[in-house]
């Protein structure tokens, strides 16, 4: 039984995330909730590392919706094929931005687990 207090929203297709600083693709969001998200990445991030992220949410009918945010790496685990899973907690982000991000991703790509 899952002991998590927040319901995870799994994404049916990966959503790319980029570094705000280098604009390099750093990974894909695989699930999200109102306090954070899980990503798969080829990079090993240190615990408590603060990341400045850019998420592009494509839409067929509108221009790309970009959201900039900070997230703190809470944990990193080995995954498969030289990849890692990381649990990120939103950091210094407004409630409105959290709601906008989660709602946009769920509406376009997700379902609730």
PDB file of N, CA and C in Angstrom:
ATOM      1  N   UNK A   1       0.836  -1.189   0.000  1.00  0.00           N
ATOM      2  CA  UNK A   1       0.000   0.000   0.000  1.00  0.00           C
ATOM      3  C   UNK A   1       0.876   1.245   0.000  1.00  0.00           C
ATOM      4  N   UNK A   2       0.524   2.198  -0.822  1.00  0.00           N
ATOM      5  CA  UNK A   2       1.265   3.449  -0.940  1.00  0.00           C
ATOM      6  C   UNK A   2       0.939   4.338   0.259  1.00  0.00           C
ATOM      7  N   UNK A   3       1.984   4.749   1.002  1.00  0.00           N
ATOM      8  CA  UNK A   3       1.790   5.556   2.204  1.00  0.00           C
ATOM      9  C   UNK A   3       1.893   7.050   1.937  1.00  0.00           C
ATOM     10  N   UNK A   4       1.984   7.448   0.679  1.00  0.00           N
ATOM     11  CA  UNK A   4       2.108   8.861   0.341  1.00  0.00           C
ATOM     12  C   UNK A   4       0.826   9.599   0.673  1.00  0.00           C
ATOM     13  N   UNK A   5       0.989  10.834   1.139  1.00  0.00           N
ATOM     14  CA  UNK A   5      -0.184  11.631   1.507  1.00  0.00           C
ATOM     15  C   UNK A   5      -0.780  12.372   0.310  1.00  0.00           C
ATOM     16  N   UNK A   6       0.024  12.559  -0.743  1.00  0.00           N
ATOM     17  CA  UNK A   6      -0.455  13.282  -1.926  1.00  0.00           C
ATOM     18  C   UNK A   6      -0.635  12.324  -3.092  1.00  0.00           C
ATOM     19  N   UNK A   7      -1.728  12.492  -3.814  1.00  0.00           N
ATOM     20  CA  UNK A   7      -2.022  11.642  -4.954  1.00  0.00           C
ATOM     21  C   UNK A   7      -1.099  11.992  -6.111  1.00  0.00           C
ATOM     22  N   UNK A   8      -0.431  10.966  -6.656  1.00  0.00           N
ATOM     23  CA  UNK A   8       0.456  11.167  -7.806  1.00  0.00           C
ATOM     24  C   UNK A   8      -0.364  11.178  -9.080  1.00  0.00           C
ATOM     25  N   UNK A   9       0.029  12.020 -10.005  1.00  0.00           N
ATOM     26  CA  UNK A   9      -0.598  12.101 -11.316  1.00  0.00           C
ATOM     27  C   UNK A   9       0.427  11.634 -12.338  1.00  0.00           C
ATOM     28  N   UNK A  10       0.208  10.448 -12.867  1.00  0.00           N
ATOM     29  CA  UNK A  10       1.129   9.872 -13.834  1.00  0.00           C
ATOM     30  C   UNK A  10       0.902  10.514 -15.195  1.00  0.00           C
ATOM     31  N   UNK A  11       1.989  10.704 -15.918  1.00  0.00           N
ATOM     32  CA  UNK A  11       1.878  11.300 -17.243  1.00  0.00           C
ATOM     33  C   UNK A  11       1.946  10.207 -18.292  1.00  0.00           C
ATOM     34  N   UNK A  12       1.037  10.253 -19.254  1.00  0.00           N
ATOM     35  CA  UNK A  12       0.968   9.240 -20.294  1.00  0.00           C
ATOM     36  C   UNK A  12       2.109   9.359 -21.293  1.00  0.00           C
ATOM     37  N   UNK A  13       2.690  10.540 -21.372  1.00  0.00           N
ATOM     38  CA  UNK A  13       3.888  10.704 -22.179  1.00  0.00           C
ATOM     39  C   UNK A  13       4.834  11.615 -21.417  1.00  0.00           C
ATOM     40  N   UNK A  14       6.135  11.390 -21.568  1.00  0.00           N
ATOM     41  CA  UNK A  14       7.089  12.202 -20.813  1.00  0.00           C
ATOM     42  C   UNK A  14       7.054  13.667 -21.241  1.00  0.00           C
ATOM     43  N   UNK A  15       7.240  14.541 -20.277  1.00  0.00           N
ATOM     44  CA  UNK A  15       7.312  15.972 -20.533  1.00  0.00           C
ATOM     45  C   UNK A  15       8.748  16.404 -20.247  1.00  0.00           C
ATOM     46  N   UNK A  16       9.378  17.014 -21.237  1.00  0.00           N
ATOM     47  CA  UNK A  16      10.784  17.402 -21.120  1.00  0.00           C
ATOM     48  C   UNK A  16      10.941  18.591 -20.186  1.00  0.00           C
ATOM     49  N   UNK A  17      12.039  18.534 -19.396  1.00  0.00           N
ATOM     50  CA  UNK A  17      12.416  19.673 -18.568  1.00  0.00           C
ATOM     51  C   UNK A  17      13.840  20.077 -18.930  1.00  0.00           C
ATOM     52  N   UNK A  18      14.092  21.372 -18.808  1.00  0.00           N
ATOM     53  CA  UNK A  18      15.372  21.942 -19.212  1.00  0.00           C
ATOM     54  C   UNK A  18      15.935  22.769 -18.069  1.00  0.00           C
ATOM     55  N   UNK A  19      17.243  22.964 -18.089  1.00  0.00           N
ATOM     56  CA  UNK A  19      17.896  23.889 -17.171  1.00  0.00           C
ATOM     57  C   UNK A  19      17.611  25.305 -17.644  1.00  0.00           C
ATOM     58  N   UNK A  20      17.174  26.164 -16.734  1.00  0.00           N
ATOM     59  CA  UNK A  20      16.988  27.578 -17.087  1.00  0.00           C
ATOM     60  C   UNK A  20      18.319  28.231 -17.433  1.00  0.00           C
ATOM     61  N   UNK A  21      19.387  27.745 -16.827  1.00  0.00           N
ATOM     62  CA  UNK A  21      20.698  28.375 -16.984  1.00  0.00           C
ATOM     63  C   UNK A  21      21.350  27.975 -18.311  1.00  0.00           C
ATOM     64  N   UNK A  22      21.438  26.667 -18.587  1.00  0.00           N
ATOM     65  CA  UNK A  22      22.122  26.200 -19.797  1.00  0.00           C
ATOM     66  C   UNK A  22      21.170  25.917 -20.957  1.00  0.00           C
ATOM     67  N   UNK A  23      19.868  25.826 -20.663  1.00  0.00           N
ATOM     68  CA  UNK A  23      18.832  25.448 -21.627  1.00  0.00           C
ATOM     69  C   UNK A  23      19.027  24.020 -22.150  1.00  0.00           C
ATOM     70  N   UNK A  24      19.830  23.237 -21.439  1.00  0.00           N
ATOM     71  CA  UNK A  24      20.078  21.841 -21.798  1.00  0.00           C
ATOM     72  C   UNK A  24      18.942  20.971 -21.270  1.00  0.00           C
ATOM     73  N   UNK A  25      18.524  19.987 -22.083  1.00  0.00           N
ATOM     74  CA  UNK A  25      17.513  19.015 -21.648  1.00  0.00           C
ATOM     75  C   UNK A  25      18.113  18.189 -20.521  1.00  0.00           C
ATOM     76  N   UNK A  26      17.455  18.176 -19.365  1.00  0.00           N
ATOM     77  CA  UNK A  26      18.015  17.422 -18.243  1.00  0.00           C
ATOM     78  C   UNK A  26      17.203  16.193 -17.869  1.00  0.00           C
ATOM     79  N   UNK A  27      15.993  16.067 -18.386  1.00  0.00           N
ATOM     80  CA  UNK A  27      15.215  14.886 -18.050  1.00  0.00           C
ATOM     81  C   UNK A  27      13.761  15.029 -18.446  1.00  0.00           C
ATOM     82  N   UNK A  28      12.963  14.058 -17.988  1.00  0.00           N
ATOM     83  CA  UNK A  28      11.540  14.030 -18.294  1.00  0.00           C
ATOM     84  C   UNK A  28      10.727  13.835 -17.015  1.00  0.00           C
ATOM     85  N   UNK A  29       9.634  14.562 -16.910  1.00  0.00           N
ATOM     86  CA  UNK A  29       8.712  14.387 -15.788  1.00  0.00           C
ATOM     87  C   UNK A  29       7.901  13.115 -16.043  1.00  0.00           C
ATOM     88  N   UNK A  30       7.823  12.245 -15.043  1.00  0.00           N
ATOM     89  CA  UNK A  30       7.009  11.034 -15.191  1.00  0.00           C
ATOM     90  C   UNK A  30       5.783  11.046 -14.286  1.00  0.00           C
ATOM     91  N   UNK A  31       5.856  11.752 -13.162  1.00  0.00           N
ATOM     92  CA  UNK A  31       4.653  11.982 -12.356  1.00  0.00           C
ATOM     93  C   UNK A  31       4.775  13.295 -11.620  1.00  0.00           C
ATOM     94  N   UNK A  32       3.612  13.824 -11.233  1.00  0.00           N
ATOM     95  CA  UNK A  32       3.597  15.162 -10.638  1.00  0.00           C
ATOM     96  C   UNK A  32       2.456  15.250  -9.633  1.00  0.00           C
ATOM     97  N   UNK A  33       2.625  16.094  -8.638  1.00  0.00           N
ATOM     98  CA  UNK A  33       1.564  16.414  -7.680  1.00  0.00           C
ATOM     99  C   UNK A  33       1.771  17.861  -7.253  1.00  0.00           C
ATOM    100  N   UNK A  34       0.970  18.342  -6.353  1.00  0.00           N
ATOM    101  CA  UNK A  34       0.999  19.768  -6.020  1.00  0.00           C
ATOM    102  C   UNK A  34       2.255  20.217  -5.264  1.00  0.00           C
ATOM    103  N   UNK A  35       3.039  19.288  -4.746  1.00  0.00           N
ATOM    104  CA  UNK A  35       4.238  19.678  -4.000  1.00  0.00           C
ATOM    105  C   UNK A  35       5.539  19.320  -4.710  1.00  0.00           C
ATOM    106  N   UNK A  36       5.464  18.531  -5.791  1.00  0.00           N
ATOM    107  CA  UNK A  36       6.698  18.149  -6.470  1.00  0.00           C
ATOM    108  C   UNK A  36       6.449  17.214  -7.626  1.00  0.00           C
ATOM    109  N   UNK A  37       7.537  16.582  -8.088  1.00  0.00           N
ATOM    110  CA  UNK A  37       7.432  15.685  -9.237  1.00  0.00           C
ATOM    111  C   UNK A  37       8.572  14.680  -9.223  1.00  0.00           C
ATOM    112  N   UNK A  38       8.370  13.618  -9.982  1.00  0.00           N
ATOM    113  CA  UNK A  38       9.429  12.626 -10.176  1.00  0.00           C
ATOM    114  C   UNK A  38       9.904  12.757 -11.610  1.00  0.00           C
ATOM    115  N   UNK A  39      11.228  12.754 -11.782  1.00  0.00           N
ATOM    116  CA  UNK A  39      11.797  12.837 -13.121  1.00  0.00           C
ATOM    117  C   UNK A  39      12.699  11.631 -13.363  1.00  0.00           C
ATOM    118  N   UNK A  40      12.938  11.347 -14.642  1.00  0.00           N
ATOM    119  CA  UNK A  40      13.956  10.394 -15.051  1.00  0.00           C
ATOM    120  C   UNK A  40      15.006  11.200 -15.806  1.00  0.00           C
ATOM    121  N   UNK A  41      16.260  10.971 -15.464  1.00  0.00           N
ATOM    122  CA  UNK A  41      17.349  11.775 -16.009  1.00  0.00           C
ATOM    123  C   UNK A  41      18.609  10.936 -16.161  1.00  0.00           C
ATOM    124  N   UNK A  42      19.520  11.392 -17.006  1.00  0.00           N
ATOM    125  CA  UNK A  42      20.816  10.721 -17.116  1.00  0.00           C
ATOM    126  C   UNK A  42      21.838  11.331 -16.156  1.00  0.00           C
ATOM    127  N   UNK A  43      21.431  12.363 -15.433  1.00  0.00           N
ATOM    128  CA  UNK A  43      22.329  13.056 -14.505  1.00  0.00           C
ATOM    129  C   UNK A  43      22.055  12.632 -13.068  1.00  0.00           C
ATOM    130  N   UNK A  44      23.125  12.550 -12.281  1.00  0.00           N
ATOM    131  CA  UNK A  44      22.981  12.253 -10.853  1.00  0.00           C
ATOM    132  C   UNK A  44      23.000  13.581 -10.099  1.00  0.00           C
ATOM    133  N   UNK A  45      21.868  13.933  -9.502  1.00  0.00           N
ATOM    134  CA  UNK A  45      21.780  15.180  -8.751  1.00  0.00           C
ATOM    135  C   UNK A  45      21.980  14.896  -7.267  1.00  0.00           C
ATOM    136  N   UNK A  46      22.645  15.815  -6.591  1.00  0.00           N
ATOM    137  CA  UNK A  46      22.921  15.666  -5.166  1.00  0.00           C
ATOM    138  C   UNK A  46      21.690  16.002  -4.341  1.00  0.00           C
ATOM    139  N   UNK A  47      21.557  15.359  -3.174  1.00  0.00           N
ATOM    140  CA  UNK A  47      20.454  15.713  -2.268  1.00  0.00           C
ATOM    141  C   UNK A  47      20.527  17.193  -1.903  1.00  0.00           C
ATOM    142  N   UNK A  48      19.370  17.806  -1.788  1.00  0.00           N
ATOM    143  CA  UNK A  48      19.211  19.216  -1.429  1.00  0.00           C
ATOM    144  C   UNK A  48      19.678  20.192  -2.514  1.00  0.00           C
ATOM    145  N   UNK A  49      20.081  19.690  -3.671  1.00  0.00           N
ATOM    146  CA  UNK A  49      20.478  20.572  -4.770  1.00  0.00           C
ATOM    147  C   UNK A  49      19.244  21.317  -5.282  1.00  0.00           C
ATOM    148  N   UNK A  50      19.368  22.612  -5.436  1.00  0.00           N
ATOM    149  CA  UNK A  50      18.284  23.444  -5.976  1.00  0.00           C
ATOM    150  C   UNK A  50      18.501  23.580  -7.480  1.00  0.00           C
ATOM    151  N   UNK A  51      17.464  23.260  -8.231  1.00  0.00           N
ATOM    152  CA  UNK A  51      17.547  23.322  -9.686  1.00  0.00           C
ATOM    153  C   UNK A  51      16.627  24.417 -10.207  1.00  0.00           C
ATOM    154  N   UNK A  52      17.096  25.134 -11.197  1.00  0.00           N
ATOM    155  CA  UNK A  52      16.312  26.164 -11.875  1.00  0.00           C
ATOM    156  C   UNK A  52      15.836  25.549 -13.181  1.00  0.00           C
ATOM    157  N   UNK A  53      14.540  25.272 -13.259  1.00  0.00           N
ATOM    158  CA  UNK A  53      13.990  24.478 -14.354  1.00  0.00           C
ATOM    159  C   UNK A  53      13.088  25.286 -15.275  1.00  0.00           C
ATOM    160  N   UNK A  54      13.006  24.821 -16.504  1.00  0.00           N
ATOM    161  CA  UNK A  54      12.110  25.366 -17.508  1.00  0.00           C
ATOM    162  C   UNK A  54      11.324  24.188 -18.080  1.00  0.00           C
ATOM    163  N   UNK A  55      10.013  24.304 -18.051  1.00  0.00           N
ATOM    164  CA  UNK A  55       9.148  23.248 -18.576  1.00  0.00           C
ATOM    165  C   UNK A  55       8.345  23.840 -19.726  1.00  0.00           C
ATOM    166  N   UNK A  56       8.440  23.194 -20.878  1.00  0.00           N
ATOM    167  CA  UNK A  56       7.675  23.600 -22.052  1.00  0.00           C
ATOM    168  C   UNK A  56       6.481  22.675 -22.180  1.00  0.00           C
ATOM    169  N   UNK A  57       5.290  23.245 -22.155  1.00  0.00           N
ATOM    170  CA  UNK A  57       4.074  22.448 -22.296  1.00  0.00           C
ATOM    171  C   UNK A  57       3.494  22.736 -23.677  1.00  0.00           C
ATOM    172  N   UNK A  58       3.738  21.833 -24.639  1.00  0.00           N
ATOM    173  CA  UNK A  58       3.233  22.092 -25.985  1.00  0.00           C
ATOM    174  C   UNK A  58       1.722  21.922 -26.066  1.00  0.00           C
ATOM    175  N   UNK A  59       1.120  22.685 -26.938  1.00  0.00           N
ATOM    176  CA  UNK A  59      -0.315  22.591 -27.180  1.00  0.00           C
ATOM    177  C   UNK A  59      -0.529  22.779 -28.671  1.00  0.00           C
ATOM    178  N   UNK A  60      -1.320  21.921 -29.275  1.00  0.00           N
ATOM    179  CA  UNK A  60      -1.545  21.997 -30.717  1.00  0.00           C
ATOM    180  C   UNK A  60      -2.260  23.281 -31.121  1.00  0.00           C
ATOM    181  N   UNK A  61      -3.077  23.839 -30.235  1.00  0.00           N
ATOM    182  CA  UNK A  61      -3.897  24.993 -30.581  1.00  0.00           C
ATOM    183  C   UNK A  61      -3.343  26.324 -30.095  1.00  0.00           C
ATOM    184  N   UNK A  62      -2.274  26.292 -29.313  1.00  0.00           N
ATOM    185  CA  UNK A  62      -1.734  27.516 -28.724  1.00  0.00           C
ATOM    186  C   UNK A  62      -0.212  27.501 -28.808  1.00  0.00           C
ATOM    187  N   UNK A  63       0.425  28.659 -28.599  1.00  0.00           N
ATOM    188  CA  UNK A  63       1.892  28.663 -28.514  1.00  0.00           C
ATOM    189  C   UNK A  63       2.343  27.830 -27.311  1.00  0.00           C
ATOM    190  N   UNK A  64       3.599  27.444 -27.321  1.00  0.00           N
ATOM    191  CA  UNK A  64       4.141  26.667 -26.201  1.00  0.00           C
ATOM    192  C   UNK A  64       4.009  27.473 -24.916  1.00  0.00           C
ATOM    193  N   UNK A  65       3.526  26.822 -23.886  1.00  0.00           N
ATOM    194  CA  UNK A  65       3.351  27.419 -22.565  1.00  0.00           C
ATOM    195  C   UNK A  65       4.601  27.077 -21.757  1.00  0.00           C
ATOM    196  N   UNK A  66       5.377  28.074 -21.357  1.00  0.00           N
ATOM    197  CA  UNK A  66       6.603  27.852 -20.592  1.00  0.00           C
ATOM    198  C   UNK A  66       6.384  28.197 -19.132  1.00  0.00           C
ATOM    199  N   UNK A  67       6.892  27.332 -18.272  1.00  0.00           N
ATOM    200  CA  UNK A  67       6.846  27.594 -16.836  1.00  0.00           C
ATOM    201  C   UNK A  67       8.265  27.483 -16.297  1.00  0.00           C
ATOM    202  N   UNK A  68       8.704  28.531 -15.618  1.00  0.00           N
ATOM    203  CA  UNK A  68      10.007  28.539 -14.955  1.00  0.00           C
ATOM    204  C   UNK A  68       9.777  28.313 -13.474  1.00  0.00           C
ATOM    205  N   UNK A  69      10.609  27.457 -12.881  1.00  0.00           N
ATOM    206  CA  UNK A  69      10.456  27.190 -11.452  1.00  0.00           C
ATOM    207  C   UNK A  69      11.748  26.669 -10.857  1.00  0.00           C
ATOM    208  N   UNK A  70      11.780  26.671  -9.541  1.00  0.00           N
ATOM    209  CA  UNK A  70      12.889  26.072  -8.799  1.00  0.00           C
ATOM    210  C   UNK A  70      12.367  24.810  -8.133  1.00  0.00           C
ATOM    211  N   UNK A  71      13.244  23.811  -8.063  1.00  0.00           N
ATOM    212  CA  UNK A  71      12.895  22.570  -7.369  1.00  0.00           C
ATOM    213  C   UNK A  71      14.119  22.071  -6.616  1.00  0.00           C
ATOM    214  N   UNK A  72      13.856  21.471  -5.463  1.00  0.00           N
ATOM    215  CA  UNK A  72      14.915  20.913  -4.626  1.00  0.00           C
ATOM    216  C   UNK A  72      14.922  19.400  -4.806  1.00  0.00           C
ATOM    217  N   UNK A  73      16.101  18.836  -5.073  1.00  0.00           N
ATOM    218  CA  UNK A  73      16.208  17.384  -5.196  1.00  0.00           C
ATOM    219  C   UNK A  73      16.132  16.755  -3.799  1.00  0.00           C
ATOM    220  N   UNK A  74      15.146  15.916  -3.592  1.00  0.00           N
ATOM    221  CA  UNK A  74      14.957  15.266  -2.297  1.00  0.00           C
ATOM    222  C   UNK A  74      15.661  13.918  -2.266  1.00  0.00           C
ATOM    223  N   UNK A  75      15.581  13.178  -3.372  1.00  0.00           N
ATOM    224  CA  UNK A  75      16.226  11.870  -3.451  1.00  0.00           C
ATOM    225  C   UNK A  75      16.589  11.538  -4.893  1.00  0.00           C
ATOM    226  N   UNK A  76      17.597  10.667  -5.032  1.00  0.00           N
ATOM    227  CA  UNK A  76      18.011  10.148  -6.337  1.00  0.00           C
ATOM    228  C   UNK A  76      18.212   8.651  -6.188  1.00  0.00           C
ATOM    229  N   UNK A  77      17.668   7.882  -7.136  1.00  0.00           N
ATOM    230  CA  UNK A  77      17.814   6.421  -7.130  1.00  0.00           C
ATOM    231  C   UNK A  77      18.271   5.954  -8.502  1.00  0.00           C
ATOM    232  N   UNK A  78      19.105   4.906  -8.521  1.00  0.00           N
ATOM    233  CA  UNK A  78      19.457   4.283  -9.794  1.00  0.00           C
ATOM    234  C   UNK A  78      18.192   3.762 -10.445  1.00  0.00           C
ATOM    235  N   UNK A  79      18.117   3.872 -11.759  1.00  0.00           N
ATOM    236  CA  UNK A  79      16.947   3.402 -12.495  1.00  0.00           C
ATOM    237  C   UNK A  79      17.415   2.342 -13.481  1.00  0.00           C
ATOM    238  N   UNK A  80      17.295   2.577 -14.764  1.00  0.00           N
ATOM    239  CA  UNK A  80      17.739   1.607 -15.764  1.00  0.00           C
ATOM    240  C   UNK A  80      18.596   2.298 -16.813  1.00  0.00           C
ATOM    241  N   UNK A  81      19.442   1.508 -17.471  1.00  0.00           N
ATOM    242  CA  UNK A  81      20.239   1.991 -18.592  1.00  0.00           C
ATOM    243  C   UNK A  81      20.942   3.315 -18.301  1.00  0.00           C
ATOM    244  N   UNK A  82      21.692   3.343 -17.213  1.00  0.00           N
ATOM    245  CA  UNK A  82      22.452   4.537 -16.820  1.00  0.00           C
ATOM    246  C   UNK A  82      21.569   5.766 -16.628  1.00  0.00           C
ATOM    247  N   UNK A  83      20.396   5.561 -16.102  1.00  0.00           N
ATOM    248  CA  UNK A  83      19.462   6.650 -15.812  1.00  0.00           C
ATOM    249  C   UNK A  83      19.158   6.640 -14.311  1.00  0.00           C
ATOM    250  N   UNK A  84      18.645   7.782 -13.855  1.00  0.00           N
ATOM    251  CA  UNK A  84      18.278   7.942 -12.449  1.00  0.00           C
ATOM    252  C   UNK A  84      16.845   8.437 -12.360  1.00  0.00           C
ATOM    253  N   UNK A  85      16.205   8.113 -11.257  1.00  0.00           N
ATOM    254  CA  UNK A  85      14.930   8.722 -10.890  1.00  0.00           C
ATOM    255  C   UNK A  85      15.236   9.700  -9.771  1.00  0.00           C
ATOM    256  N   UNK A  86      14.615  10.875  -9.832  1.00  0.00           N
ATOM    257  CA  UNK A  86      14.812  11.884  -8.797  1.00  0.00           C
ATOM    258  C   UNK A  86      13.459  12.388  -8.325  1.00  0.00           C
ATOM    259  N   UNK A  87      13.340  12.545  -7.030  1.00  0.00           N
ATOM    260  CA  UNK A  87      12.160  13.156  -6.444  1.00  0.00           C
ATOM    261  C   UNK A  87      12.449  14.616  -6.166  1.00  0.00           C
ATOM    262  N   UNK A  88      11.705  15.499  -6.815  1.00  0.00           N
ATOM    263  CA  UNK A  88      11.925  16.933  -6.671  1.00  0.00           C
ATOM    264  C   UNK A  88      10.765  17.582  -5.921  1.00  0.00           C
ATOM    265  N   UNK A  89      11.094  18.481  -5.034  1.00  0.00           N
ATOM    266  CA  UNK A  89      10.079  19.251  -4.308  1.00  0.00           C
ATOM    267  C   UNK A  89      10.127  20.683  -4.820  1.00  0.00           C
ATOM    268  N   UNK A  90       8.953  21.232  -5.163  1.00  0.00           N
ATOM    269  CA  UNK A  90       8.910  22.613  -5.633  1.00  0.00           C
ATOM    270  C   UNK A  90       9.480  23.515  -4.555  1.00  0.00           C
ATOM    271  N   UNK A  91      10.252  24.506  -4.990  1.00  0.00           N
ATOM    272  CA  UNK A  91      10.965  25.383  -4.066  1.00  0.00           C
ATOM    273  C   UNK A  91      10.702  26.835  -4.454  1.00  0.00           C
ATOM    274  N   UNK A  92      10.244  27.617  -3.497  1.00  0.00           N
ATOM    275  CA  UNK A  92      10.065  29.049  -3.721  1.00  0.00           C
ATOM    276  C   UNK A  92       9.193  29.310  -4.955  1.00  0.00           C
ATOM    277  N   UNK A  93       8.021  28.683  -4.967  1.00  0.00           N
ATOM    278  CA  UNK A  93       7.123  28.773  -6.109  1.00  0.00           C
ATOM    279  C   UNK A  93       5.733  29.163  -5.604  1.00  0.00           C
ATOM    280  N   UNK A  94       5.073  30.023  -6.326  1.00  0.00           N
ATOM    281  CA  UNK A  94       3.762  30.500  -5.887  1.00  0.00           C
ATOM    282  C   UNK A  94       2.710  29.395  -6.020  1.00  0.00           C
ATOM    283  N   UNK A  95       1.694  29.420  -5.173  1.00  0.00           N
ATOM    284  CA  UNK A  95       0.606  28.443  -5.291  1.00  0.00           C
ATOM    285  C   UNK A  95      -0.054  28.487  -6.673  1.00  0.00           C
ATOM    286  N   UNK A  96      -0.145  29.676  -7.253  1.00  0.00           N
ATOM    287  CA  UNK A  96      -0.762  29.809  -8.577  1.00  0.00           C
ATOM    288  C   UNK A  96       0.050  29.077  -9.639  1.00  0.00           C
ATOM    289  N   UNK A  97       1.392  29.198  -9.574  1.00  0.00           N
ATOM    290  CA  UNK A  97       2.250  28.524 -10.543  1.00  0.00           C
ATOM    291  C   UNK A  97       2.148  27.011 -10.383  1.00  0.00           C
ATOM    292  N   UNK A  98       2.111  26.521  -9.138  1.00  0.00           N
ATOM    293  CA  UNK A  98       1.945  25.082  -8.895  1.00  0.00           C
ATOM    294  C   UNK A  98       0.664  24.578  -9.535  1.00  0.00           C
ATOM    295  N   UNK A  99      -0.423  25.283  -9.278  1.00  0.00           N
ATOM    296  CA  UNK A  99      -1.730  24.866  -9.801  1.00  0.00           C
ATOM    297  C   UNK A  99      -1.720  24.906 -11.322  1.00  0.00           C
ATOM    298  N   UNK A 100      -1.138  25.960 -11.902  1.00  0.00           N
ATOM    299  CA  UNK A 100      -1.062  26.100 -13.354  1.00  0.00           C
ATOM    300  C   UNK A 100      -0.287  24.931 -13.959  1.00  0.00           C
ATOM    301  N   UNK A 101       0.868  24.629 -13.405  1.00  0.00           N
ATOM    302  CA  UNK A 101       1.705  23.545 -13.908  1.00  0.00           C
ATOM    303  C   UNK A 101       0.996  22.200 -13.824  1.00  0.00           C
ATOM    304  N   UNK A 102       0.536  21.864 -12.636  1.00  0.00           N
ATOM    305  CA  UNK A 102      -0.099  20.555 -12.431  1.00  0.00           C
ATOM    306  C   UNK A 102      -1.348  20.424 -13.296  1.00  0.00           C
ATOM    307  N   UNK A 103      -2.210  21.418 -13.294  1.00  0.00           N
ATOM    308  CA  UNK A 103      -3.437  21.334 -14.085  1.00  0.00           C
ATOM    309  C   UNK A 103      -3.162  21.215 -15.575  1.00  0.00           C
ATOM    310  N   UNK A 104      -2.203  21.999 -16.087  1.00  0.00           N
ATOM    311  CA  UNK A 104      -1.864  21.924 -17.506  1.00  0.00           C
ATOM    312  C   UNK A 104      -1.339  20.549 -17.889  1.00  0.00           C
ATOM    313  N   UNK A 105      -0.436  20.001 -17.093  1.00  0.00           N
ATOM    314  CA  UNK A 105       0.130  18.699 -17.421  1.00  0.00           C
ATOM    315  C   UNK A 105      -0.902  17.578 -17.319  1.00  0.00           C
ATOM    316  N   UNK A 106      -1.738  17.624 -16.284  1.00  0.00           N
ATOM    317  CA  UNK A 106      -2.750  16.570 -16.115  1.00  0.00           C
ATOM    318  C   UNK A 106      -3.770  16.635 -17.264  1.00  0.00           C
ATOM    319  N   UNK A 107      -4.194  17.833 -17.577  1.00  0.00           N
ATOM    320  CA  UNK A 107      -5.194  18.007 -18.623  1.00  0.00           C
ATOM    321  C   UNK A 107      -4.674  17.486 -19.966  1.00  0.00           C
ATOM    322  N   UNK A 108      -3.414  17.732 -20.270  1.00  0.00           N
ATOM    323  CA  UNK A 108      -2.881  17.359 -21.573  1.00  0.00           C
ATOM    324  C   UNK A 108      -2.311  15.945 -21.641  1.00  0.00           C
ATOM    325  N   UNK A 109      -1.707  15.463 -20.543  1.00  0.00           N
ATOM    326  CA  UNK A 109      -0.927  14.228 -20.629  1.00  0.00           C
ATOM    327  C   UNK A 109      -1.192  13.196 -19.540  1.00  0.00           C
ATOM    328  N   UNK A 110      -2.028  13.476 -18.571  1.00  0.00           N
ATOM    329  CA  UNK A 110      -1.996  12.620 -17.402  1.00  0.00           C
ATOM    330  C   UNK A 110      -3.273  11.960 -17.002  1.00  0.00           C
ATOM    331  N   UNK A 111      -3.102  11.175 -15.964  1.00  0.00           N
ATOM    332  CA  UNK A 111      -4.221  10.593 -15.241  1.00  0.00           C
ATOM    333  C   UNK A 111      -3.795  10.413 -13.800  1.00  0.00           C
ATOM    334  N   UNK A 112      -4.748  10.297 -12.913  1.00  0.00           N
ATOM    335  CA  UNK A 112      -4.449  10.172 -11.478  1.00  0.00           C
ATOM    336  C   UNK A 112      -4.291   8.711 -11.117  1.00  0.00           C
ATOM    337  N   UNK A 113      -3.193   8.395 -10.427  1.00  0.00           N
ATOM    338  CA  UNK A 113      -2.934   7.015 -10.024  1.00  0.00           C
ATOM    339  C   UNK A 113      -3.646   6.685  -8.731  1.00  0.00           C
TER     340      UNK A 113
END
